[in-house]
Protein backbone atom coordinates (compact mmCIF):
# COMPACT_ATOMS: atom_id res chain seq x y z
CA MET A 1 -49.42 20.36 141.80
CA LYS A 2 -48.49 18.81 144.98
CA THR A 3 -50.77 19.82 147.81
CA ILE A 4 -49.27 19.39 151.49
CA LYS A 5 -51.58 20.13 154.22
CA LEU A 6 -49.13 21.53 157.23
CA ASP A 7 -51.86 20.43 159.94
CA ARG A 8 -49.72 17.22 159.94
CA LYS A 9 -46.16 16.45 160.16
CA ALA A 10 -44.63 19.12 158.27
CA PRO A 11 -41.60 18.49 155.87
CA SER A 12 -38.50 19.95 155.91
CA VAL A 13 -37.66 23.29 153.81
CA ASN A 14 -34.95 21.03 151.87
CA GLU A 15 -37.70 18.16 151.20
CA LEU A 16 -39.85 21.08 150.19
CA VAL A 17 -37.24 22.37 147.95
CA ALA A 18 -36.65 18.93 146.26
CA ILE A 19 -40.32 18.32 145.67
CA ALA A 20 -40.61 21.86 143.83
CA ARG A 21 -37.66 20.74 141.43
CA SER A 22 -40.23 18.74 139.43
CA GLU A 23 -43.49 20.32 140.25
CA SER A 24 -45.31 22.85 141.84
CA VAL A 25 -45.93 22.61 145.99
CA LEU A 26 -49.62 23.77 147.19
CA LEU A 27 -49.05 24.23 151.02
CA VAL A 28 -51.70 24.26 153.28
CA SER A 29 -51.85 25.46 156.64
CA GLU A 30 -53.66 24.67 159.62
CA ASP A 31 -55.87 27.70 159.36
CA GLY A 32 -56.69 26.66 155.79
CA THR A 33 -54.12 29.38 153.79
CA ARG A 34 -52.65 28.47 151.10
CA PHE A 35 -49.18 29.30 149.76
CA VAL A 36 -47.75 28.06 146.57
CA LEU A 37 -43.95 26.96 146.25
CA GLU A 38 -42.39 26.68 142.80
CA GLU A 39 -38.93 27.45 141.52
CA ALA A 40 -38.88 31.38 140.31
CA ASP A 41 -37.65 32.27 136.48
CA ASP A 42 -35.82 35.29 135.80
CA PHE A 43 -39.48 36.95 135.12
CA ASP A 44 -40.24 36.06 138.22
CA ARG A 45 -37.27 37.88 140.50
CA GLU A 46 -37.27 40.73 138.15
CA VAL A 47 -41.37 41.39 139.18
CA ALA A 48 -40.01 40.92 142.95
CA LYS A 49 -37.04 43.53 142.30
CA LEU A 50 -39.75 46.24 140.43
CA GLY A 51 -42.08 45.81 142.92
CA SER A 52 -39.85 46.72 145.71
CA SER A 53 -38.44 49.61 143.71
CA GLU A 54 -39.76 53.19 144.97
CA LYS A 55 -38.58 54.51 141.66
CA PHE A 56 -40.75 51.90 139.33
CA MET A 57 -43.61 51.93 141.60
CA ARG A 58 -43.70 56.69 141.40
CA PHE A 59 -43.39 55.57 137.40
CA LEU A 60 -46.24 53.32 137.65
CA LYS A 61 -48.47 55.77 139.82
CA LYS A 62 -47.56 58.48 137.17
CA ARG A 63 -48.67 56.26 134.06
CA SER A 64 -51.94 55.18 135.65
CA LYS A 65 -52.93 59.11 135.56
CA GLU A 66 -52.10 59.66 132.10
CA LYS A 67 -55.76 59.38 129.73
CA GLY A 68 -55.28 55.81 128.13
CA VAL A 69 -56.91 57.03 124.84
CA ILE A 70 -56.62 60.30 122.88
CA SER A 71 -58.28 61.03 119.64
CA VAL A 72 -56.86 60.92 116.08
CA GLU A 73 -57.04 64.75 116.03
CA GLN A 74 -55.45 65.30 119.37
CA PHE A 75 -52.37 62.48 118.06
CA ALA A 76 -52.04 64.89 114.87
CA LYS A 77 -52.04 68.20 116.90
CA GLU A 78 -49.21 66.73 119.22
CA LEU A 79 -47.30 65.18 116.39
CA LYS A 80 -47.09 68.98 114.43
CA SER A 81 -45.87 70.28 117.87
CA VAL A 82 -42.76 68.15 118.04
């Protein structure tokens, strides 16, 4: 990972992209905030797309309220009712 401190001469976006093609870039702003620039793969794009999906967020919220574990007895009871 290459670290670039932006309190000095800041490289252009094209220069940063050229570096990021071969390795991740850690950008450190003047106030010390850190950002990572790296090539996005299909998984990264999917995560970004799902993260902005209201429908998917509602699904996750609903799922998070469900019980995580049920007893074998409860499972058998639910299985019989199907």
